[in-house]
Amino acid sequence: MVEGGLSLLIDTTSSLAERLDPSAGASPLSGLFIQALIVSLVFFFGLALVGLPLVVTLSRVLNRFLKPDTVYPLFGFHDAVRRVIARVGRMRFFNFLFGDSSYIVHFLQWLGTDLSRVVQTGSNFGNEVVQGNPALCFVGSGTIVADGLTLMNDEVSSTSFRISRAAVGPDNFVGNDVNYPPGGRTGDNCLLGTKAMIPLDGKMHEGVGLLGSPSFEIPRTVERDTQFDHLRKGEALRRGLAAKNRYNVRTIGMFLVSRWLGVFLVALFYLAADELYDVLPHVAAAALFASSMMVSAVYFALVERWVETRNPLEPMICSIYDPRFWVHERLWKVHPIHYLHAFDGTPFKNVLWRLMGARIGRRVFDDGAHISEPTFTTLGDECVLNYRSKIQCHSLEDATFKSDRTTIGAGCTIGVGAFILYGVTMGDGAALAADAFLMKGEYVPPRARWGGNPAREM
């Protein structure tokens, strides 16, 4: 079906290309470019335009077949409905399109998420928000969420499942990579730190911060993070938000154009393989298909580097209404990490990181890491970055943004799912255990082994 559909699309675009450019038939290269242009425009923008109302409709209509806190058997009709809704809640494209802008709140509300009375900041949610069931998710008024929030609605056993409401209170700040389950014991005005484990029993936590796994209380905020509070109210907020929205619109336009050009490149290679099928049937097609994957990754890596070189990053502490922060948001939106994962575990991954500005030594093994700011990151020779490890050279707390460089020495090991914040230095031969969280500004001595959340010497 896929082959037939693509062949039909190619035949249609061939006819259209000849109408648009009568000389295309005499010039195969010209006709190829016109066909690729038509295919990529129809495929990319057509799916985007159709996909938005489709995912919104699916999420809202299918929820009519499920009732909260009702036990259903696995592998039946209701389980299939649950899985489709969860897939809709995990879609990356629209989260990346609208995230880190004022428009993400409207998209989440269209899906059915209850956001109470929205207090618009222009950065209410990051690029990555995962919801098990959007209709059973609540985020209170005035809450700001960084990247990586997972609102979990499903409770699954070996035979059955049920869905329940997950609710984050008002005036919260939620850090990176937080998994919020139903029944979380957090209320109003909480700071949920990066990778914090949400308590499910005991007292209700309000007006405090939570950090670690298991979590413990810390101050809700520190004086350094309040120095820009005057920009979050009155006329200063209106001016800052308006300027940020204008910048974010241009960023969204850049995101769409760069993604479309990536599809255009793939279409060009696919159409070239189709044209050469009768010449060298399998060899040409295989070579061009393989090349398209590499070319796409290199293209997106160069796009990210181009955006960064226009406004080079520097370590800073600033408000989210500072244009220097908007540059970081733009970089996150064009970051090609999802294209780079095809090269996990191979030497090509290091080549792509270097293209993006990371300083990486020899024989570094990257099995699926994410580096948020490559130009801020230095890795020594023979380091090992395990699956889903993350080096993040920034932090956002409420409306204050901080960033700094991170240096990982030679021979270091970063465990599976480990998270490293900004301003960190790891000495040669040091190791960070799986799922550990290394706090900002930490120094790990050479050949030391650290683990836990927050990480400490083991």
Protein backbone atom coordinates (compact mmCIF):
# COMPACT_ATOMS: atom_id res chain seq x y z
CA MET A 1 0.00 0.00 0.00
CA VAL A 2 2.82 2.40 0.85
CA GLU A 3 4.69 1.57 -2.37
CA GLY A 4 1.54 1.94 -4.44
CA GLY A 5 0.58 5.20 -2.77
CA LEU A 6 4.05 6.69 -3.30
CA SER A 7 4.07 5.56 -6.93
CA LEU A 8 0.68 7.19 -7.48
CA LEU A 9 1.94 10.40 -5.84
CA ILE A 10 5.07 10.37 -8.00
CA ASP A 11 3.02 9.86 -11.19
CA THR A 12 0.70 12.71 -10.19
CA THR A 13 3.54 15.08 -9.39
CA SER A 14 5.30 14.14 -12.64
CA SER A 15 2.30 15.32 -14.61
CA LEU A 16 1.98 18.46 -12.48
CA ALA A 17 5.71 19.18 -12.83
CA GLU A 18 5.46 19.04 -16.62
CA ARG A 19 2.55 21.48 -16.54
CA LEU A 20 4.43 23.90 -14.27
CA ASP A 21 7.64 23.58 -16.30
CA PRO A 22 7.20 22.16 -19.85
CA SER A 23 10.99 21.83 -20.14
CA ALA A 24 11.07 19.47 -17.12
CA GLY A 25 10.55 16.47 -19.39
CA ALA A 26 13.70 17.37 -21.32
CA SER A 27 15.61 18.17 -18.13
CA PRO A 28 15.35 15.26 -15.65
CA LEU A 29 17.11 17.24 -12.91
CA SER A 30 14.68 20.15 -13.16
CA GLY A 31 11.71 17.80 -13.14
CA LEU A 32 13.14 15.97 -10.11
CA PHE A 33 13.41 19.18 -8.11
CA ILE A 34 9.86 20.26 -8.99
CA GLN A 35 8.48 16.82 -8.07
CA ALA A 36 10.36 16.84 -4.77
CA LEU A 37 9.06 20.34 -4.06
CA ILE A 38 5.44 19.28 -4.66
CA VAL A 39 5.75 16.00 -2.73
CA SER A 40 7.39 17.67 0.29
CA LEU A 41 4.89 20.56 0.39
CA VAL A 42 1.89 18.22 0.15
CA PHE A 43 3.34 15.67 2.56
CA PHE A 44 4.65 18.04 5.25
CA PHE A 45 2.13 20.87 5.35
CA GLY A 46 -0.76 18.57 4.37
CA LEU A 47 -0.07 16.26 7.31
CA ALA A 48 0.41 19.22 9.64
CA LEU A 49 -2.89 20.83 8.63
CA VAL A 50 -4.82 17.55 8.73
CA GLY A 51 -3.01 16.20 11.78
CA LEU A 52 -3.87 19.04 14.19
CA PRO A 53 -7.69 18.71 14.01
CA LEU A 54 -7.33 14.92 13.79
CA VAL A 55 -5.39 14.49 17.05
CA VAL A 56 -7.66 16.96 18.83
CA THR A 57 -10.80 15.17 17.63
CA LEU A 58 -9.42 11.70 18.42
CA SER A 59 -8.46 12.69 21.95
CA ARG A 60 -11.86 14.19 22.75
CA VAL A 61 -14.10 11.63 20.99
CA LEU A 62 -12.34 8.49 22.24
CA ASN A 63 -12.47 9.70 25.86
CA ARG A 64 -16.23 9.24 25.76
CA PHE A 65 -15.64 5.47 25.85
CA LEU A 66 -13.61 5.53 29.09
CA LYS A 67 -14.67 6.35 32.64
CA PRO A 68 -12.20 7.46 35.32
CA ASP A 69 -11.35 5.02 38.13
CA THR A 70 -13.17 2.15 36.38
CA VAL A 71 -11.34 -1.16 35.99
CA TYR A 72 -11.17 -2.51 32.43
CA PRO A 73 -9.55 -5.74 31.15
CA LEU A 74 -6.37 -5.58 29.13
CA PHE A 75 -6.31 -6.25 25.36
CA GLY A 76 -9.97 -5.42 24.83
CA PHE A 77 -11.78 -2.52 23.16
CA HIS A 78 -11.26 -0.11 26.06
CA ASP A 79 -7.56 -0.95 26.22
CA ALA A 80 -7.21 -0.18 22.51
CA VAL A 81 -8.94 3.17 23.07
CA ARG A 82 -6.60 3.93 25.99
CA ARG A 83 -3.53 3.20 23.86
CA VAL A 84 -4.67 5.43 21.01
CA ILE A 85 -5.34 8.32 23.42
CA ALA A 86 -1.91 7.81 25.01
CA ARG A 87 -0.22 7.89 21.59
CA VAL A 88 -1.99 11.17 20.83
CA GLY A 89 -0.76 12.55 24.16
CA ARG A 90 2.82 11.59 23.25
CA MET A 91 2.95 13.21 19.80
CA ARG A 92 6.16 15.21 19.47
CA PHE A 93 5.57 17.36 16.42
CA PHE A 94 2.87 19.66 17.78
CA ASN A 95 4.53 19.90 21.19
CA PHE A 96 7.73 21.02 19.46
CA LEU A 97 5.78 23.37 17.21
CA PHE A 98 3.92 25.18 20.02
CA GLY A 99 6.17 24.50 23.04
CA ASP A 100 8.14 27.30 24.73
CA SER A 101 5.62 29.82 23.43
CA SER A 102 2.23 31.28 24.36
CA TYR A 103 0.49 28.89 21.95
CA ILE A 104 1.23 25.63 23.77
CA VAL A 105 -1.51 26.30 26.33
CA HIS A 106 -4.13 26.53 23.57
CA PHE A 107 -2.97 23.24 22.03
CA LEU A 108 -3.13 21.45 25.39
CA GLN A 109 -6.58 22.86 26.03
CA TRP A 110 -7.73 21.68 22.59
CA LEU A 111 -6.61 18.17 23.57
CA GLY A 112 -8.77 18.43 26.69
CA THR A 113 -6.24 19.31 29.40
CA ASP A 114 -7.71 21.41 32.21
CA LEU A 115 -5.41 24.41 32.73
CA SER A 116 -7.81 26.33 34.98
CA ARG A 117 -7.43 30.11 34.52
CA VAL A 118 -4.33 30.50 32.38
CA VAL A 119 -1.77 33.05 33.54
CA GLN A 120 0.21 33.58 30.35
CA THR A 121 3.99 33.78 30.73
CA GLY A 122 5.04 32.85 27.18
CA SER A 123 6.87 29.82 28.64
CA ASN A 124 4.10 27.97 30.46
CA PHE A 125 5.26 24.61 29.04
CA GLY A 126 8.40 23.41 27.29
CA ASN A 127 8.71 21.35 24.12
CA GLU A 128 8.15 17.98 25.78
CA VAL A 129 4.88 17.39 27.65
CA VAL A 130 3.62 13.79 27.76
CA GLN A 131 0.08 12.99 28.89
CA GLY A 132 -1.37 9.54 29.37
CA ASN A 133 -4.89 10.94 28.95
CA PRO A 134 -5.18 14.71 28.34
CA ALA A 135 -8.81 14.84 29.50
CA LEU A 136 -7.74 13.62 32.97
CA CYS A 137 -4.85 16.05 33.41
CA PHE A 138 -5.05 19.25 35.46
CA VAL A 139 -2.40 21.96 35.76
CA GLY A 140 -3.25 24.83 38.07
CA SER A 141 -3.26 28.52 37.28
CA GLY A 142 0.13 30.25 37.31
CA THR A 143 2.15 27.04 37.06
CA ILE A 144 5.28 26.98 34.85
CA VAL A 145 6.52 23.63 33.51
CA ALA A 146 9.99 22.93 32.11
CA ASP A 147 10.69 20.15 29.58
CA GLY A 148 10.06 16.50 30.27
CA LEU A 149 6.88 16.54 32.37
CA THR A 150 5.00 13.22 32.15
CA LEU A 151 1.47 13.26 33.55
CA MET A 152 0.67 9.60 34.23
CA ASN A 153 -2.99 8.60 34.20
CA ASP A 154 -2.73 4.83 33.66
CA GLU A 155 -2.44 2.19 36.35
CA VAL A 156 -1.84 -1.19 34.72
CA SER A 157 -1.68 -4.69 36.23
CA SER A 158 -1.10 -8.03 34.48
CA THR A 159 -4.81 -8.35 33.70
CA SER A 160 -6.47 -4.94 33.84
CA PHE A 161 -6.08 -1.19 33.90
CA ARG A 162 -7.78 1.97 35.07
CA ILE A 163 -7.26 5.64 34.34
CA SER A 164 -7.24 8.33 37.02
CA ARG A 165 -6.83 12.09 37.26
CA ALA A 166 -3.34 13.57 37.62
CA ALA A 167 -3.34 17.11 39.04
CA VAL A 168 -0.49 19.62 39.48
CA GLY A 169 -1.49 22.48 41.79
CA PRO A 170 -1.53 26.23 41.06
CA ASP A 171 1.51 28.50 41.24
CA ASN A 172 3.91 25.55 40.97
CA PHE A 173 7.18 25.33 39.14
CA VAL A 174 7.91 21.88 37.67
CA GLY A 175 11.52 21.11 36.74
CA ASN A 176 12.88 18.78 34.08
CA ASP A 177 12.01 15.09 33.76
CA VAL A 178 9.31 14.95 36.42
CA ASN A 179 6.85 12.03 36.36
CA TYR A 180 3.61 13.05 38.04
CA PRO A 181 1.27 10.17 39.01
CA PRO A 182 -2.38 10.21 40.13
CA GLY A 183 -2.70 11.03 43.82
CA GLY A 184 0.52 13.03 44.09
CA ARG A 185 0.74 14.72 47.50
CA THR A 186 1.68 18.19 46.32
CA GLY A 187 -0.58 21.24 46.42
CA ASP A 188 -0.31 24.98 45.90
CA ASN A 189 2.91 26.96 45.38
CA CYS A 190 5.41 24.08 45.17
CA LEU A 191 8.72 23.81 43.37
CA LEU A 192 9.19 20.28 42.00
CA GLY A 193 12.88 19.92 41.27
CA THR A 194 14.45 18.12 38.35
CA LYS A 195 13.85 14.33 38.52
CA ALA A 196 12.06 14.77 41.86
CA MET A 197 10.04 11.75 43.01
CA ILE A 198 6.46 12.83 43.76
CA PRO A 199 5.29 11.55 47.18
CA LEU A 200 2.10 9.44 47.18
CA ASP A 201 1.46 9.34 50.92
CA GLY A 202 1.98 11.43 54.02
CA LYS A 203 1.18 15.10 54.37
CA MET A 204 0.18 17.43 51.54
CA HIS A 205 3.21 19.54 50.57
CA GLU A 206 2.43 23.21 49.96
CA GLY A 207 4.61 26.34 49.79
CA VAL A 208 7.83 24.29 49.68
CA GLY A 209 10.25 22.79 47.19
CA LEU A 210 10.77 19.07 46.69
CA LEU A 211 14.04 17.59 45.47
CA GLY A 212 15.47 14.11 45.09
CA SER A 213 14.29 10.51 45.09
CA PRO A 214 12.90 9.89 47.64
CA SER A 215 12.09 13.58 47.79
CA PHE A 216 12.79 15.93 50.68
CA GLU A 217 11.71 19.51 51.32
CA ILE A 218 13.83 22.50 50.33
CA PRO A 219 12.98 26.24 50.25
CA ARG A 220 10.34 27.12 47.66
CA THR A 221 12.60 29.80 46.19
CA VAL A 222 15.90 31.54 46.83
CA GLU A 223 16.67 35.25 46.71
CA ARG A 224 18.72 34.95 43.51
CA ASP A 225 15.66 33.67 41.63
CA THR A 226 13.51 36.65 42.65
CA GLN A 227 15.73 39.37 41.17
CA PHE A 228 13.63 39.49 37.99
CA ASP A 229 10.18 39.32 39.60
CA HIS A 230 9.49 42.95 38.71
CA LEU A 231 9.38 41.85 35.04
CA ARG A 232 6.51 39.43 35.76
CA LYS A 233 3.80 41.98 36.48
CA GLY A 234 2.17 45.14 35.20
CA GLU A 235 3.39 47.07 32.17
CA ALA A 236 6.81 45.35 32.20
CA LEU A 237 5.11 41.96 31.75
CA ARG A 238 2.91 43.21 28.93
CA ARG A 239 5.86 44.64 27.02
CA GLY A 240 8.08 41.63 27.65
CA LEU A 241 5.40 39.12 26.73
CA ALA A 242 4.51 40.96 23.51
CA ALA A 243 8.17 41.06 22.44
CA LYS A 244 8.65 37.38 23.34
CA ASN A 245 5.55 36.40 21.34
CA ARG A 246 6.87 38.20 18.25
CA TYR A 247 10.22 36.43 18.57
CA ASN A 248 8.52 33.06 19.14
CA VAL A 249 6.39 33.47 16.00
CA ARG A 250 9.57 33.89 13.97
CA THR A 251 11.03 30.83 15.72
CA ILE A 252 7.95 28.76 14.85
CA GLY A 253 8.29 29.91 11.23
CA MET A 254 11.97 28.87 11.25
CA PHE A 255 11.02 25.50 12.74
CA LEU A 256 8.44 24.83 10.02
CA VAL A 257 10.68 25.92 7.14
CA SER A 258 13.68 23.92 8.39
CA ARG A 259 11.58 20.78 8.93
CA TRP A 260 9.98 21.15 5.50
CA LEU A 261 13.39 21.49 3.84
CA GLY A 262 14.44 18.28 5.60
CA VAL A 263 11.42 16.50 4.09
CA PHE A 264 12.31 18.04 0.72
CA LEU A 265 15.81 16.52 0.90
CA VAL A 266 14.42 13.06 1.70
CA ALA A 267 11.86 13.36 -1.12
CA LEU A 268 14.63 14.37 -3.51
CA PHE A 269 16.68 11.28 -2.68
CA TYR A 270 13.63 9.00 -2.84
CA LEU A 271 12.60 10.33 -6.23
CA ALA A 272 16.19 10.00 -7.52
CA ALA A 273 16.19 6.36 -6.37
CA ASP A 274 12.89 5.80 -8.19
CA GLU A 275 14.29 7.37 -11.38
CA LEU A 276 17.38 5.13 -11.27
CA TYR A 277 15.48 1.95 -10.48
CA ASP A 278 15.65 0.69 -14.07
CA VAL A 279 19.39 1.48 -14.35
CA LEU A 280 20.80 -0.15 -11.22
CA PRO A 281 17.61 -1.49 -9.62
CA HIS A 282 18.63 -2.29 -6.07
CA VAL A 283 22.10 -0.82 -5.67
CA ALA A 284 21.10 2.75 -6.57
CA ALA A 285 17.92 2.69 -4.49
CA ALA A 286 19.70 1.26 -1.43
CA ALA A 287 22.57 3.76 -1.69
CA LEU A 288 20.25 6.75 -2.05
CA PHE A 289 17.94 5.65 0.79
CA ALA A 290 20.93 5.21 3.11
CA SER A 291 22.38 8.54 2.01
CA SER A 292 19.09 10.33 2.67
CA MET A 293 19.26 9.39 6.37
CA MET A 294 22.82 10.69 6.71
CA VAL A 295 22.13 13.85 4.70
CA SER A 296 19.05 14.63 6.83
CA ALA A 297 21.00 14.28 10.07
CA VAL A 298 23.86 16.45 8.79
CA TYR A 299 21.38 19.02 7.49
CA PHE A 300 19.54 19.35 10.83
CA ALA A 301 22.84 19.45 12.75
CA LEU A 302 24.03 22.29 10.52
CA VAL A 303 20.71 24.14 10.93
CA GLU A 304 21.17 24.05 14.73
CA ARG A 305 24.77 25.25 14.42
CA TRP A 306 23.75 28.05 12.03
CA VAL A 307 21.13 29.30 14.49
CA GLU A 308 23.68 29.22 17.32
CA THR A 309 26.41 31.05 15.38
CA ARG A 310 24.02 33.93 14.61
CA ASN A 311 23.73 34.58 18.37
CA PRO A 312 26.55 32.71 20.17
CA LEU A 313 25.64 31.45 23.63
CA GLU A 314 27.32 32.76 26.77
CA PRO A 315 26.87 31.68 30.41
CA MET A 316 24.21 33.89 31.99
CA ILE A 317 21.55 34.49 34.61
CA CYS A 318 18.58 36.36 33.15
CA SER A 319 14.80 36.67 32.98
CA ILE A 320 12.70 34.68 30.52
CA TYR A 321 11.84 38.08 29.00
CA ASP A 322 15.49 38.67 28.08
CA PRO A 323 16.19 38.17 24.33
CA ARG A 324 19.23 36.06 25.24
CA PHE A 325 16.90 33.45 26.71
CA TRP A 326 14.80 33.42 23.55
CA VAL A 327 17.90 32.36 21.62
CA HIS A 328 18.13 29.25 23.84
CA GLU A 329 14.46 28.50 23.22
CA ARG A 330 15.03 28.74 19.48
CA LEU A 331 17.95 26.33 19.72
CA TRP A 332 15.85 23.81 21.64
CA LYS A 333 13.18 23.98 18.95
CA VAL A 334 15.59 23.25 16.08
CA HIS A 335 17.66 20.72 18.07
CA PRO A 336 17.97 17.57 15.91
CA ILE A 337 18.21 15.03 18.75
CA HIS A 338 15.38 12.84 17.39
CA TYR A 339 17.23 12.56 14.06
CA LEU A 340 20.55 11.83 15.76
CA HIS A 341 19.24 8.77 17.61
CA ALA A 342 19.51 6.76 14.38
CA PHE A 343 23.29 6.94 14.89
CA ASP A 344 23.38 5.93 18.58
CA GLY A 345 26.22 3.57 19.37
CA THR A 346 28.19 4.48 16.24
CA PRO A 347 31.16 6.81 15.63
CA PHE A 348 28.95 8.97 13.37
CA LYS A 349 27.12 10.35 16.42
CA ASN A 350 30.32 12.09 17.57
CA VAL A 351 30.81 13.62 14.12
CA LEU A 352 27.31 15.11 14.31
CA TRP A 353 27.88 16.47 17.84
CA ARG A 354 31.08 18.14 16.60
CA LEU A 355 29.18 19.67 13.70
CA MET A 356 26.90 21.25 16.32
CA GLY A 357 29.85 22.70 18.24
CA ALA A 358 30.47 20.17 21.02
CA ARG A 359 34.10 19.57 21.97
CA ILE A 360 34.38 15.78 21.99
CA GLY A 361 37.55 13.72 22.34
CA ARG A 362 38.52 10.49 20.62
CA ARG A 363 36.68 7.16 20.93
CA VAL A 364 33.68 8.52 22.82
CA PHE A 365 30.85 5.97 22.91
CA ASP A 366 27.38 7.57 22.79
CA ASP A 367 24.56 5.05 23.13
CA GLY A 368 21.71 7.59 23.08
CA ALA A 369 22.62 10.70 25.09
CA HIS A 370 21.07 14.15 24.80
CA ILE A 371 23.26 17.28 24.98
CA SER A 372 21.07 20.37 25.17
CA GLU A 373 23.77 23.01 24.47
CA PRO A 374 26.59 21.38 22.47
CA THR A 375 28.78 24.52 22.42
CA PHE A 376 28.76 24.55 26.25
CA THR A 377 29.82 20.89 26.53
CA THR A 378 33.30 19.36 26.63
CA LEU A 379 33.89 15.59 26.68
CA GLY A 380 37.32 13.98 27.09
CA ASP A 381 38.68 10.93 25.31
CA GLU A 382 37.04 7.51 25.74
CA CYS A 383 33.98 8.69 27.65
CA VAL A 384 30.85 6.51 27.72
CA LEU A 385 27.42 8.13 27.46
CA ASN A 386 24.72 5.56 28.12
CA TYR A 387 21.16 5.36 26.82
CA ARG A 388 18.90 8.31 27.78
CA SER A 389 21.67 10.08 29.70
CA LYS A 390 21.42 13.86 29.53
CA ILE A 391 23.89 16.75 29.78
CA GLN A 392 21.85 19.93 30.24
CA CYS A 393 23.84 23.14 30.51
CA HIS A 394 20.94 25.26 31.75
CA SER A 395 18.21 25.46 34.37
CA LEU A 396 14.93 27.34 34.59
CA GLU A 397 13.32 28.12 37.94
CA ASP A 398 10.08 30.10 37.84
CA ALA A 399 10.95 32.93 35.43
CA THR A 400 14.72 32.96 35.99
CA PHE A 401 17.06 31.25 33.52
CA LYS A 402 20.61 30.14 34.27
CA SER A 403 23.25 28.52 32.05
CA ASP A 404 26.92 27.60 32.22
CA ARG A 405 29.49 25.24 30.72
CA THR A 406 29.98 21.60 31.71
CA THR A 407 33.23 19.64 31.41
CA ILE A 408 33.43 15.82 31.49
CA GLY A 409 36.99 14.47 31.82
CA ALA A 410 38.61 11.63 29.90
CA GLY A 411 37.42 8.09 30.60
CA CYS A 412 34.23 9.14 32.41
CA THR A 413 31.07 7.03 32.41
CA ILE A 414 27.56 8.52 32.48
CA GLY A 415 25.02 5.85 33.48
CA VAL A 416 21.70 4.99 31.86
CA GLY A 417 19.17 7.79 32.44
CA ALA A 418 21.65 9.91 34.41
CA PHE A 419 21.12 13.68 34.35
CA ILE A 420 23.87 16.32 34.60
CA LEU A 421 22.99 19.99 35.16
CA TYR A 422 25.01 23.09 34.24
CA GLY A 423 28.37 24.20 35.62
CA VAL A 424 29.49 20.64 36.42
CA THR A 425 33.06 19.31 36.27
CA MET A 426 33.84 15.58 36.34
CA GLY A 427 37.47 14.54 36.77
CA ASP A 428 39.15 11.90 34.59
CA GLY A 429 37.87 8.37 35.11
CA ALA A 430 34.86 9.40 37.24
CA ALA A 431 31.56 7.54 36.97
CA LEU A 432 27.96 8.64 37.48
CA ALA A 433 25.57 5.79 38.26
CA ALA A 434 22.34 4.99 36.41
CA ASP A 435 19.40 7.37 36.98
CA ALA A 436 21.56 9.70 39.08
CA PHE A 437 21.00 13.46 39.15
CA LEU A 438 24.18 15.53 39.36
CA MET A 439 23.28 18.98 40.66
CA LYS A 440 24.45 22.31 39.21
CA GLY A 441 28.01 23.37 39.97
CA GLU A 442 29.11 20.00 41.38
CA TYR A 443 32.71 18.81 41.19
CA VAL A 444 33.29 15.06 40.93
CA PRO A 445 36.93 14.17 41.71
CA PRO A 446 38.95 11.96 39.34
CA ARG A 447 38.12 8.22 39.51
CA ALA A 448 35.29 8.82 42.00
CA ARG A 449 31.93 7.05 41.71
CA TRP A 450 28.81 9.08 42.39
CA GLY A 451 25.16 8.06 42.35
CA GLY A 452 21.71 8.80 43.70
CA ASN A 453 19.30 11.70 43.37
CA PRO A 454 20.80 14.17 44.19
CA ALA A 455 24.11 12.48 43.41
CA ARG A 456 26.78 12.05 46.05
CA GLU A 457 29.91 9.94 46.44
CA MET A 458 29.18 6.25 46.79
